[in-house]
Amino acid sequence: MTGTIAEEMERLLTERFAPTKLDIINDSAHHAGHSGDDGSGESHFTVVIEAAEFSDMNRLARQRAVIAALGDIVGERVHAVAIKASAPA
């Protein structure tokens, strides 16, 4: 895959959820030298996503859906992803 992990995450989440809001924040610099920092600059992320599909889901179900959409990225290619998933107001 060409591009950054953040770009891949954005593509996967956009295709899966058609979000009304999506921010992929690279937090890796805050974790430099800590556990899970592989030196790539792409080890820790925060995903802020809002999608209509989340309306009937609780917080845990939303997080599981996002993790599933990201495939092998979480836990295999990226050390940590914080997820803030919500439904439109």
N, C-alpha and C. Protein backbone atom coordinates (compact mmCIF):
# COMPACT_ATOMS: atom_id res chain seq x y z
N MET A 1 0.85 -1.19 0.00
CA MET A 1 0.00 0.00 0.00
C MET A 1 0.88 1.24 0.00
N THR A 2 0.60 2.16 -0.85
CA THR A 2 1.34 3.41 -0.91
C THR A 2 0.66 4.41 0.01
N GLY A 3 1.46 5.23 0.69
CA GLY A 3 0.90 6.24 1.58
C GLY A 3 1.14 5.88 3.03
N THR A 4 0.64 6.71 3.88
CA THR A 4 0.85 6.52 5.31
C THR A 4 -0.25 5.64 5.90
N ILE A 5 0.03 5.16 7.09
CA ILE A 5 -0.99 4.39 7.80
C ILE A 5 -2.21 5.27 8.07
N ALA A 6 -1.99 6.54 8.40
CA ALA A 6 -3.12 7.45 8.64
C ALA A 6 -4.00 7.56 7.40
N GLU A 7 -3.39 7.64 6.23
CA GLU A 7 -4.17 7.71 4.99
C GLU A 7 -4.95 6.42 4.76
N GLU A 8 -4.34 5.30 5.06
CA GLU A 8 -5.03 4.02 4.91
C GLU A 8 -6.20 3.92 5.88
N MET A 9 -5.98 4.36 7.11
CA MET A 9 -7.06 4.35 8.10
C MET A 9 -8.22 5.23 7.63
N GLU A 10 -7.91 6.41 7.12
CA GLU A 10 -8.95 7.31 6.63
C GLU A 10 -9.75 6.67 5.50
N ARG A 11 -9.06 6.03 4.57
CA ARG A 11 -9.72 5.37 3.45
C ARG A 11 -10.64 4.24 3.93
N LEU A 12 -10.12 3.39 4.79
CA LEU A 12 -10.91 2.25 5.29
C LEU A 12 -12.15 2.72 6.04
N LEU A 13 -12.00 3.71 6.90
CA LEU A 13 -13.14 4.18 7.70
C LEU A 13 -14.15 4.93 6.85
N THR A 14 -13.68 5.67 5.87
CA THR A 14 -14.59 6.39 4.97
C THR A 14 -15.40 5.41 4.14
N GLU A 15 -14.74 4.39 3.61
CA GLU A 15 -15.44 3.39 2.80
C GLU A 15 -16.46 2.62 3.64
N ARG A 16 -16.11 2.31 4.88
CA ARG A 16 -16.98 1.46 5.71
C ARG A 16 -18.14 2.23 6.33
N PHE A 17 -17.92 3.46 6.79
CA PHE A 17 -18.93 4.17 7.57
C PHE A 17 -19.50 5.42 6.91
N ALA A 18 -18.91 5.95 5.86
CA ALA A 18 -19.33 7.23 5.28
C ALA A 18 -19.56 8.25 6.40
N PRO A 19 -18.52 8.53 7.17
CA PRO A 19 -18.68 9.38 8.35
C PRO A 19 -19.01 10.83 8.02
N THR A 20 -19.75 11.46 8.94
CA THR A 20 -20.03 12.89 8.82
C THR A 20 -18.88 13.69 9.41
N LYS A 21 -18.05 13.04 10.20
CA LYS A 21 -16.84 13.65 10.75
C LYS A 21 -15.81 12.56 10.90
N LEU A 22 -14.56 12.86 10.52
CA LEU A 22 -13.47 11.91 10.68
C LEU A 22 -12.16 12.66 10.83
N ASP A 23 -11.50 12.43 11.96
CA ASP A 23 -10.17 12.98 12.20
C ASP A 23 -9.27 11.83 12.62
N ILE A 24 -8.15 11.69 11.95
CA ILE A 24 -7.13 10.71 12.30
C ILE A 24 -5.96 11.53 12.83
N ILE A 25 -5.68 11.40 14.11
CA ILE A 25 -4.65 12.20 14.77
C ILE A 25 -3.46 11.30 15.10
N ASN A 26 -2.30 11.66 14.59
CA ASN A 26 -1.09 10.90 14.86
C ASN A 26 -0.50 11.38 16.18
N ASP A 27 -0.58 10.53 17.20
CA ASP A 27 -0.07 10.85 18.54
C ASP A 27 1.31 10.28 18.78
N SER A 28 1.94 9.74 17.78
CA SER A 28 3.19 9.01 17.95
C SER A 28 4.30 9.83 18.60
N ALA A 29 4.40 11.10 18.26
CA ALA A 29 5.46 11.94 18.82
C ALA A 29 5.36 12.03 20.34
N HIS A 30 4.16 11.92 20.88
CA HIS A 30 3.96 11.98 22.33
C HIS A 30 4.42 10.70 23.02
N HIS A 31 4.67 9.66 22.25
CA HIS A 31 5.04 8.35 22.80
C HIS A 31 6.46 7.93 22.41
N ALA A 32 7.23 8.85 21.86
CA ALA A 32 8.60 8.54 21.44
C ALA A 32 9.40 8.00 22.62
N GLY A 33 10.03 6.86 22.39
CA GLY A 33 10.84 6.24 23.43
C GLY A 33 10.07 5.39 24.41
N HIS A 34 8.76 5.38 24.31
CA HIS A 34 7.92 4.59 25.22
C HIS A 34 7.63 3.22 24.60
N SER A 35 6.99 2.38 25.38
CA SER A 35 6.60 1.06 24.91
C SER A 35 5.73 1.18 23.66
N GLY A 36 6.03 0.39 22.68
CA GLY A 36 5.24 0.39 21.45
C GLY A 36 5.74 1.34 20.39
N ASP A 37 6.68 2.22 20.73
CA ASP A 37 7.23 3.14 19.73
C ASP A 37 8.24 2.37 18.89
N ASP A 38 7.93 2.16 17.63
CA ASP A 38 8.82 1.40 16.75
C ASP A 38 9.73 2.29 15.92
N GLY A 39 9.68 3.60 16.17
CA GLY A 39 10.52 4.53 15.44
C GLY A 39 9.98 4.95 14.09
N SER A 40 8.84 4.41 13.69
CA SER A 40 8.27 4.72 12.38
C SER A 40 7.57 6.08 12.34
N GLY A 41 7.21 6.59 13.52
CA GLY A 41 6.42 7.81 13.56
C GLY A 41 4.95 7.55 13.33
N GLU A 42 4.56 6.28 13.26
CA GLU A 42 3.17 5.89 13.06
C GLU A 42 2.81 4.73 13.97
N SER A 43 2.96 4.95 15.27
CA SER A 43 2.71 3.87 16.23
C SER A 43 1.49 4.10 17.10
N HIS A 44 1.06 5.35 17.26
CA HIS A 44 -0.06 5.69 18.15
C HIS A 44 -0.98 6.70 17.45
N PHE A 45 -2.28 6.42 17.46
CA PHE A 45 -3.25 7.29 16.80
C PHE A 45 -4.48 7.49 17.67
N THR A 46 -5.19 8.58 17.43
CA THR A 46 -6.54 8.80 17.94
C THR A 46 -7.45 8.94 16.74
N VAL A 47 -8.56 8.21 16.76
CA VAL A 47 -9.57 8.30 15.70
C VAL A 47 -10.80 8.95 16.30
N VAL A 48 -11.22 10.06 15.72
CA VAL A 48 -12.46 10.72 16.10
C VAL A 48 -13.40 10.56 14.91
N ILE A 49 -14.48 9.82 15.12
CA ILE A 49 -15.37 9.50 14.00
C ILE A 49 -16.82 9.66 14.43
N GLU A 50 -17.60 10.24 13.53
CA GLU A 50 -19.04 10.39 13.74
C GLU A 50 -19.73 9.79 12.52
N ALA A 51 -20.65 8.87 12.77
CA ALA A 51 -21.35 8.22 11.65
C ALA A 51 -22.76 7.82 12.09
N ALA A 52 -23.69 7.91 11.17
CA ALA A 52 -25.09 7.56 11.44
C ALA A 52 -25.23 6.12 11.90
N GLU A 53 -24.39 5.24 11.39
CA GLU A 53 -24.46 3.82 11.75
C GLU A 53 -24.29 3.58 13.25
N PHE A 54 -23.63 4.50 13.93
CA PHE A 54 -23.38 4.34 15.36
C PHE A 54 -24.60 4.67 16.23
N SER A 55 -25.67 5.16 15.64
CA SER A 55 -26.85 5.58 16.40
C SER A 55 -27.42 4.51 17.31
N ASP A 56 -27.44 3.27 16.85
CA ASP A 56 -28.03 2.18 17.64
C ASP A 56 -26.99 1.34 18.36
N MET A 57 -25.78 1.86 18.49
CA MET A 57 -24.70 1.11 19.14
C MET A 57 -24.26 1.77 20.44
N ASN A 58 -23.86 0.94 21.40
CA ASN A 58 -23.27 1.50 22.61
C ASN A 58 -21.78 1.77 22.34
N ARG A 59 -21.11 2.35 23.31
CA ARG A 59 -19.70 2.75 23.13
C ARG A 59 -18.82 1.57 22.73
N LEU A 60 -18.98 0.45 23.40
CA LEU A 60 -18.14 -0.71 23.11
C LEU A 60 -18.40 -1.26 21.71
N ALA A 61 -19.64 -1.31 21.30
CA ALA A 61 -19.97 -1.79 19.95
C ALA A 61 -19.39 -0.85 18.88
N ARG A 62 -19.41 0.44 19.15
CA ARG A 62 -18.82 1.40 18.21
C ARG A 62 -17.33 1.16 18.06
N GLN A 63 -16.65 0.99 19.20
CA GLN A 63 -15.21 0.76 19.16
C GLN A 63 -14.88 -0.54 18.44
N ARG A 64 -15.63 -1.58 18.70
CA ARG A 64 -15.40 -2.85 18.03
C ARG A 64 -15.61 -2.73 16.52
N ALA A 65 -16.61 -1.98 16.10
CA ALA A 65 -16.87 -1.79 14.68
C ALA A 65 -15.72 -1.05 14.00
N VAL A 66 -15.19 -0.04 14.67
CA VAL A 66 -14.06 0.72 14.11
C VAL A 66 -12.83 -0.19 14.02
N ILE A 67 -12.53 -0.93 15.07
CA ILE A 67 -11.38 -1.83 15.07
C ILE A 67 -11.52 -2.87 13.95
N ALA A 68 -12.71 -3.42 13.79
CA ALA A 68 -12.94 -4.41 12.73
C ALA A 68 -12.70 -3.79 11.35
N ALA A 69 -13.15 -2.55 11.16
CA ALA A 69 -12.98 -1.88 9.87
C ALA A 69 -11.50 -1.62 9.56
N LEU A 70 -10.68 -1.47 10.60
CA LEU A 70 -9.26 -1.18 10.40
C LEU A 70 -8.43 -2.44 10.14
N GLY A 71 -9.04 -3.60 10.24
CA GLY A 71 -8.35 -4.84 9.89
C GLY A 71 -7.09 -5.08 10.71
N ASP A 72 -5.98 -5.35 10.02
CA ASP A 72 -4.74 -5.72 10.71
C ASP A 72 -3.95 -4.51 11.22
N ILE A 73 -4.47 -3.32 11.05
CA ILE A 73 -3.74 -2.13 11.49
C ILE A 73 -3.60 -2.11 13.01
N VAL A 74 -4.70 -2.28 13.72
CA VAL A 74 -4.70 -2.19 15.18
C VAL A 74 -4.07 -3.45 15.76
N GLY A 75 -3.03 -3.25 16.56
CA GLY A 75 -2.39 -4.36 17.25
C GLY A 75 -1.30 -5.06 16.47
N GLU A 76 -1.33 -4.95 15.16
CA GLU A 76 -0.29 -5.58 14.35
C GLU A 76 0.64 -4.56 13.72
N ARG A 77 0.08 -3.53 13.13
CA ARG A 77 0.90 -2.52 12.45
C ARG A 77 1.01 -1.23 13.25
N VAL A 78 0.08 -1.03 14.18
CA VAL A 78 0.06 0.15 15.03
C VAL A 78 -0.07 -0.33 16.47
N HIS A 79 0.69 0.26 17.36
CA HIS A 79 0.68 -0.17 18.76
C HIS A 79 -0.64 0.17 19.46
N ALA A 80 -1.15 1.39 19.24
CA ALA A 80 -2.35 1.81 19.97
C ALA A 80 -3.20 2.78 19.15
N VAL A 81 -4.52 2.59 19.27
CA VAL A 81 -5.48 3.49 18.64
C VAL A 81 -6.55 3.81 19.67
N ALA A 82 -6.66 5.09 20.02
CA ALA A 82 -7.75 5.56 20.88
C ALA A 82 -8.90 5.91 19.96
N ILE A 83 -10.11 5.50 20.34
CA ILE A 83 -11.27 5.69 19.47
C ILE A 83 -12.33 6.51 20.19
N LYS A 84 -12.76 7.58 19.54
CA LYS A 84 -13.87 8.41 20.02
C LYS A 84 -14.93 8.37 18.93
N ALA A 85 -15.88 7.45 19.08
CA ALA A 85 -16.90 7.24 18.05
C ALA A 85 -18.25 7.72 18.55
N SER A 86 -18.96 8.46 17.72
CA SER A 86 -20.27 8.98 18.11
C SER A 86 -21.21 8.99 16.91
N ALA A 87 -22.47 9.18 17.21
CA ALA A 87 -23.50 9.34 16.19
C ALA A 87 -23.81 10.83 16.05
N PRO A 88 -24.29 11.26 14.89
CA PRO A 88 -24.66 12.66 14.73
C PRO A 88 -25.74 13.04 15.75
N ALA A 89 -25.71 14.26 16.19
CA ALA A 89 -26.66 14.72 17.21
C ALA A 89 -28.09 14.69 16.73
